[in-house]
Amino acid sequence: MDPSFRWDDDSFFMFSSLFDAARACLDAASPDGKVTLTQEYAAAFSRRELRAAPDAPAPQPIRMPGRPERPRLVPARDLPQRGIGSAEGRAAFIHAIAHIEFNAIDLAWDAVYRFRGLPPQFYADWVSVANDESRHFVLLRGRLRELGHEYGDFDAHNGLWEMAEKTAHDGLARMALVPRVLEARGLDVTPGMIAKLRNLGDKASVEILELILREEVAHVAAGSHWYRWYCEREGREPRSTFRELLVQYAGPVLRGPFNHHARLQAGFDAEEIAALEQLAP
């Protein structure tokens, strides 16, 4: 455990409000603190000790969730490109995935915290996702330590949270763009990375990434479900709306090729994948 994280009366207490618990997880700065609170509150939610009160006040602005001092956050274009054939390159790759999973904890809790008055299943889905992402982060950090490094040893970028801020005002845009664009990118690139790691004989990393890939399909599928739910509630056509949102928000971050099989499993249809391919370089 991170020695900077301590249990005391101020660092953990049981809320009755799911929104307060979500905010506590978002505000936790240390990796161990964020993981521990996430798993404790997810368990409390499953025991029905936390509830999303229908009369809860509006959420407060977040701007930036709690973060450790390291890794240093830099623009994505400033991150060095490393091959995974070297020990340093492989560690940097695992670090990059760990950073994505650490951010994904906050993205899931932010969906819980920001968007009020929604069906109970919405909150159940995203609490479950937050819990999964915390497990993924712990597995990857453990593998990183086996490779002689710690989370924070390499620079990282803040692109996932930046999209969360851009879509903070609109649950429909959030569901379209964070799970179905940024997080779905993992569905596209992870099979190729698994193949490369398998060729290098890195069985430990392969097993972790295979687990993450299986569970991320369900996470993206949750985004697809709630995206269409929002569209139906607002009387909007899902396919054309998705194309409009891609042009408005996501054009610069789209990258092909796309994993058609995994995306179909995750709730995309062929027309939506075609729209992605038309916009991607």
Protein backbone atom coordinates (compact mmCIF):
# COMPACT_ATOMS: atom_id res chain seq x y z
CA MET A 1 0.00 0.00 0.00
CA ASP A 2 1.08 3.57 -0.68
CA PRO A 3 2.63 4.80 2.61
CA SER A 4 1.10 8.25 2.05
CA PHE A 5 -2.42 6.79 2.39
CA ARG A 6 -3.68 6.30 5.95
CA TRP A 7 -7.02 5.26 7.33
CA ASP A 8 -8.32 7.87 9.74
CA ASP A 9 -11.60 9.56 10.57
CA ASP A 10 -11.17 12.10 7.77
CA SER A 11 -10.13 9.76 4.96
CA PHE A 12 -13.01 7.29 5.08
CA PHE A 13 -16.54 7.24 6.42
CA MET A 14 -19.72 5.64 5.24
CA PHE A 15 -22.05 7.96 3.36
CA SER A 16 -25.73 7.30 2.86
CA SER A 17 -25.62 9.30 -0.38
CA LEU A 18 -24.11 7.59 -3.41
CA PHE A 19 -23.29 11.03 -4.82
CA ASP A 20 -21.21 11.94 -1.75
CA ALA A 21 -19.39 8.61 -1.96
CA ALA A 22 -18.70 9.17 -5.66
CA ARG A 23 -17.28 12.62 -4.92
CA ALA A 24 -15.02 11.19 -2.21
CA CYS A 25 -13.62 8.69 -4.70
CA LEU A 26 -13.10 11.43 -7.27
CA ASP A 27 -11.29 13.62 -4.74
CA ALA A 28 -8.97 10.87 -3.46
CA ALA A 29 -5.49 11.75 -4.66
CA SER A 30 -3.35 8.70 -3.94
CA PRO A 31 -3.76 5.55 -6.03
CA ASP A 32 -4.26 3.40 -2.94
CA GLY A 33 -6.79 5.85 -1.56
CA LYS A 34 -8.81 5.95 -4.76
CA VAL A 35 -8.74 2.18 -5.18
CA THR A 36 -9.63 1.46 -1.55
CA LEU A 37 -12.50 3.93 -1.42
CA THR A 38 -13.81 2.71 -4.77
CA GLN A 39 -13.92 -0.90 -3.68
CA GLU A 40 -15.38 -0.10 -0.26
CA TYR A 41 -18.14 2.08 -1.69
CA ALA A 42 -18.91 -0.34 -4.52
CA ALA A 43 -19.38 -3.05 -1.91
CA ALA A 44 -21.53 -0.73 0.21
CA PHE A 45 -23.66 0.08 -2.84
CA SER A 46 -24.14 -3.62 -3.56
CA ARG A 47 -25.36 -4.01 0.05
CA ARG A 48 -27.81 -1.13 -0.57
CA GLU A 49 -26.11 1.04 2.03
CA LEU A 50 -25.76 3.87 -0.50
CA ARG A 51 -28.58 5.37 -2.52
CA ALA A 52 -28.90 7.91 -5.31
CA ALA A 53 -31.41 10.24 -3.69
CA PRO A 54 -33.87 11.63 -6.26
CA ASP A 55 -33.95 15.00 -4.49
CA ALA A 56 -30.16 15.43 -4.27
CA PRO A 57 -28.83 18.91 -5.11
CA ALA A 58 -26.99 19.59 -8.33
CA PRO A 59 -23.37 18.40 -8.49
CA GLN A 60 -20.54 20.80 -7.79
CA PRO A 61 -17.89 21.47 -10.47
CA ILE A 62 -14.91 19.14 -10.35
CA ARG A 63 -12.44 20.58 -12.89
CA MET A 64 -9.78 18.02 -11.92
CA PRO A 65 -10.13 14.90 -9.78
CA GLY A 66 -7.61 13.95 -7.13
CA ARG A 67 -4.27 12.96 -8.62
CA PRO A 68 -0.91 11.88 -7.20
CA GLU A 69 2.08 14.14 -7.80
CA ARG A 70 3.32 11.65 -10.36
CA PRO A 71 2.97 10.84 -13.20
CA ARG A 72 3.67 14.21 -14.74
CA LEU A 73 0.88 15.09 -17.19
CA VAL A 74 2.03 16.35 -20.59
CA PRO A 75 0.36 16.76 -24.00
CA ALA A 76 -0.08 13.40 -25.71
CA ARG A 77 2.12 14.55 -28.61
CA ASP A 78 5.04 15.00 -26.19
CA LEU A 79 5.04 11.39 -25.01
CA PRO A 80 7.93 9.39 -26.50
CA GLN A 81 7.16 6.46 -28.75
CA ARG A 82 8.73 3.26 -27.44
CA GLY A 83 8.63 -0.26 -28.79
CA ILE A 84 7.67 -3.02 -26.37
CA GLY A 85 10.61 -5.20 -27.38
CA SER A 86 12.86 -3.57 -24.76
CA ALA A 87 12.36 -3.87 -21.01
CA GLU A 88 11.94 -0.09 -20.71
CA GLY A 89 9.49 0.01 -23.59
CA ARG A 90 7.38 -2.77 -22.15
CA ALA A 91 7.27 -1.07 -18.75
CA ALA A 92 6.26 2.21 -20.40
CA PHE A 93 3.47 0.40 -22.25
CA ILE A 94 2.11 -1.22 -19.08
CA HIS A 95 2.36 2.16 -17.36
CA ALA A 96 0.30 3.80 -20.12
CA ILE A 97 -2.45 1.20 -19.76
CA ALA A 98 -2.37 1.51 -15.97
CA HIS A 99 -2.81 5.28 -16.35
CA ILE A 100 -5.83 4.75 -18.60
CA GLU A 101 -7.39 2.42 -16.03
CA PHE A 102 -6.66 4.88 -13.20
CA ASN A 103 -8.43 7.60 -15.18
CA ALA A 104 -11.27 5.21 -15.97
CA ILE A 105 -12.03 4.87 -12.25
CA ASP A 106 -12.69 8.61 -12.17
CA LEU A 107 -14.66 8.57 -15.41
CA ALA A 108 -17.06 5.98 -14.02
CA TRP A 109 -17.49 7.78 -10.70
CA ASP A 110 -17.93 11.06 -12.54
CA ALA A 111 -20.85 9.59 -14.49
CA VAL A 112 -22.39 8.60 -11.14
CA TYR A 113 -21.71 11.98 -9.55
CA ARG A 114 -22.60 14.38 -12.35
CA PHE A 115 -25.78 12.96 -13.82
CA ARG A 116 -28.74 13.03 -11.47
CA GLY A 117 -32.31 11.77 -11.58
CA LEU A 118 -31.57 8.72 -13.74
CA PRO A 119 -32.81 5.13 -13.45
CA PRO A 120 -31.24 3.06 -10.65
CA GLN A 121 -29.60 0.76 -13.20
CA PHE A 122 -27.55 3.67 -14.56
CA TYR A 123 -25.86 4.09 -11.20
CA ALA A 124 -25.50 0.32 -10.72
CA ASP A 125 -23.76 0.02 -14.09
CA TRP A 126 -21.23 2.79 -13.49
CA VAL A 127 -20.46 1.81 -9.90
CA SER A 128 -19.70 -1.67 -11.22
CA VAL A 129 -17.48 -0.21 -13.94
CA ALA A 130 -15.57 1.89 -11.37
CA ASN A 131 -14.96 -1.23 -9.30
CA ASP A 132 -13.74 -3.18 -12.35
CA GLU A 133 -11.39 -0.37 -13.37
CA SER A 134 -9.90 -0.29 -9.88
CA ARG A 135 -9.10 -4.01 -10.15
CA HIS A 136 -7.57 -3.49 -13.57
CA PHE A 137 -5.35 -0.72 -12.23
CA VAL A 138 -4.16 -2.87 -9.32
CA LEU A 139 -3.28 -5.74 -11.66
CA LEU A 140 -1.36 -3.48 -14.01
CA ARG A 141 0.46 -1.69 -11.21
CA GLY A 142 1.47 -5.07 -9.81
CA ARG A 143 2.83 -6.10 -13.20
CA LEU A 144 4.64 -2.79 -13.51
CA ARG A 145 6.32 -3.44 -10.17
CA GLU A 146 7.39 -6.87 -11.38
CA LEU A 147 9.10 -5.06 -14.27
CA GLY A 148 10.99 -2.87 -11.80
CA HIS A 149 8.89 0.29 -12.02
CA GLU A 150 6.15 2.13 -10.16
CA TYR A 151 3.08 4.00 -11.33
CA GLY A 152 4.29 7.54 -11.88
CA ASP A 153 7.70 6.63 -13.29
CA PHE A 154 6.69 7.66 -16.83
CA ASP A 155 4.94 10.78 -18.11
CA ALA A 156 1.27 10.50 -19.10
CA HIS A 157 -1.47 12.62 -20.66
CA ASN A 158 -4.87 13.86 -19.48
CA GLY A 159 -6.98 13.31 -22.60
CA LEU A 160 -9.61 11.10 -20.99
CA TRP A 161 -10.45 13.60 -18.27
CA GLU A 162 -10.41 16.49 -20.73
CA MET A 163 -13.22 14.78 -22.66
CA ALA A 164 -15.11 14.28 -19.40
CA GLU A 165 -14.99 18.02 -18.81
CA LYS A 166 -16.10 18.80 -22.37
CA THR A 167 -19.16 16.59 -21.90
CA ALA A 168 -19.94 17.52 -18.29
CA HIS A 169 -23.08 19.38 -19.34
CA ASP A 170 -24.64 16.59 -21.40
CA GLY A 171 -25.13 12.96 -20.40
CA LEU A 172 -25.95 11.97 -23.98
CA ALA A 173 -22.64 13.36 -25.26
CA ARG A 174 -20.80 11.76 -22.35
CA MET A 175 -22.17 8.31 -23.10
CA ALA A 176 -21.45 8.71 -26.81
CA LEU A 177 -17.90 9.96 -26.52
CA VAL A 178 -16.21 8.62 -23.40
CA PRO A 179 -17.22 4.94 -23.40
CA ARG A 180 -17.92 4.65 -27.13
CA VAL A 181 -14.92 6.58 -28.49
CA LEU A 182 -12.10 6.96 -25.96
CA GLU A 183 -12.55 3.80 -23.92
CA ALA A 184 -13.60 1.77 -26.96
CA ARG A 185 -10.17 2.51 -28.42
CA GLY A 186 -8.91 -0.25 -26.15
CA LEU A 187 -11.12 -2.74 -27.99
CA ASP A 188 -9.30 -1.85 -31.20
CA VAL A 189 -5.68 -1.89 -30.06
CA THR A 190 -5.56 -4.46 -27.26
CA PRO A 191 -5.74 -7.63 -29.43
CA GLY A 192 -2.69 -6.54 -31.39
CA MET A 193 -0.76 -5.73 -28.23
CA ILE A 194 -1.71 -9.11 -26.75
CA ALA A 195 -0.32 -10.82 -29.86
CA LYS A 196 2.96 -8.89 -29.61
CA LEU A 197 3.36 -9.64 -25.90
CA ARG A 198 2.59 -13.31 -26.50
CA ASN A 199 5.30 -13.43 -29.15
CA LEU A 200 7.70 -11.96 -26.57
CA GLY A 201 6.78 -14.68 -24.10
CA ASP A 202 5.21 -12.23 -21.62
CA LYS A 203 2.47 -14.52 -20.35
CA ALA A 204 1.78 -12.45 -17.22
CA SER A 205 0.99 -9.28 -19.17
CA VAL A 206 -1.05 -11.22 -21.73
CA GLU A 207 -3.31 -12.70 -19.04
CA ILE A 208 -3.99 -9.26 -17.55
CA LEU A 209 -4.80 -7.69 -20.91
CA GLU A 210 -7.06 -10.58 -21.91
CA LEU A 211 -9.06 -10.08 -18.70
CA ILE A 212 -9.27 -6.34 -19.27
CA LEU A 213 -10.37 -6.77 -22.87
CA ARG A 214 -13.21 -9.12 -21.88
CA GLU A 215 -14.49 -6.75 -19.22
CA GLU A 216 -14.06 -3.60 -21.30
CA VAL A 217 -16.48 -4.97 -23.90
CA ALA A 218 -19.16 -4.90 -21.20
CA HIS A 219 -18.15 -1.38 -20.14
CA VAL A 220 -18.46 -0.02 -23.65
CA ALA A 221 -21.76 -1.90 -24.00
CA ALA A 222 -23.04 -0.02 -20.94
CA GLY A 223 -22.12 3.23 -22.68
CA SER A 224 -23.97 2.09 -25.81
CA HIS A 225 -27.06 1.18 -23.80
CA TRP A 226 -27.24 4.49 -21.95
CA TYR A 227 -26.40 6.48 -25.07
CA ARG A 228 -29.45 5.00 -26.79
CA TRP A 229 -31.52 5.52 -23.65
CA TYR A 230 -30.67 9.22 -23.70
CA CYS A 231 -31.46 9.42 -27.42
CA GLU A 232 -34.86 7.84 -26.89
CA ARG A 233 -35.63 10.17 -23.98
CA GLU A 234 -34.69 13.22 -26.04
CA GLY A 235 -36.33 12.04 -29.25
CA ARG A 236 -33.07 11.91 -31.20
CA GLU A 237 -32.04 9.42 -33.85
CA PRO A 238 -29.00 7.53 -32.48
CA ARG A 239 -26.95 7.01 -35.64
CA SER A 240 -27.15 10.54 -37.02
CA THR A 241 -26.66 11.98 -33.54
CA PHE A 242 -23.53 9.87 -33.07
CA ARG A 243 -22.10 11.17 -36.34
CA GLU A 244 -22.84 14.76 -35.31
CA LEU A 245 -21.14 14.28 -31.94
CA LEU A 246 -18.10 12.68 -33.55
CA VAL A 247 -17.67 15.71 -35.81
CA GLN A 248 -18.26 18.17 -32.95
CA TYR A 249 -16.05 16.59 -30.32
CA ALA A 250 -14.03 13.59 -31.37
CA GLY A 251 -12.64 13.98 -34.88
CA PRO A 252 -9.06 14.73 -33.76
CA VAL A 253 -8.91 11.71 -31.43
CA LEU A 254 -10.30 9.04 -33.75
CA ARG A 255 -7.84 6.42 -34.93
CA GLY A 256 -8.43 3.32 -37.02
CA PRO A 257 -8.50 0.48 -37.74
CA PHE A 258 -11.52 -0.56 -35.67
CA ASN A 259 -12.20 -3.96 -34.14
CA HIS A 260 -15.57 -4.68 -35.76
CA HIS A 261 -16.21 -7.89 -33.83
CA ALA A 262 -15.57 -6.40 -30.38
CA ARG A 263 -17.46 -3.20 -31.18
CA LEU A 264 -20.49 -5.15 -32.39
CA GLN A 265 -20.40 -7.07 -29.11
CA ALA A 266 -20.19 -3.72 -27.28
CA GLY A 267 -23.39 -2.35 -28.79
CA PHE A 268 -22.25 -0.66 -32.00
CA ASP A 269 -23.99 -1.35 -35.26
CA ALA A 270 -22.42 -1.48 -38.72
CA GLU A 271 -23.54 2.05 -39.62
CA GLU A 272 -21.91 3.53 -36.52
CA ILE A 273 -18.64 1.73 -37.25
CA ALA A 274 -18.79 3.02 -40.83
CA ALA A 275 -19.20 6.56 -39.49
CA LEU A 276 -16.08 6.09 -37.35
CA GLU A 277 -14.12 4.85 -40.35
CA GLN A 278 -15.19 7.80 -42.49
CA LEU A 279 -13.92 10.29 -39.91
CA ALA A 280 -10.74 8.51 -38.83
CA PRO A 281 -7.47 9.23 -40.67
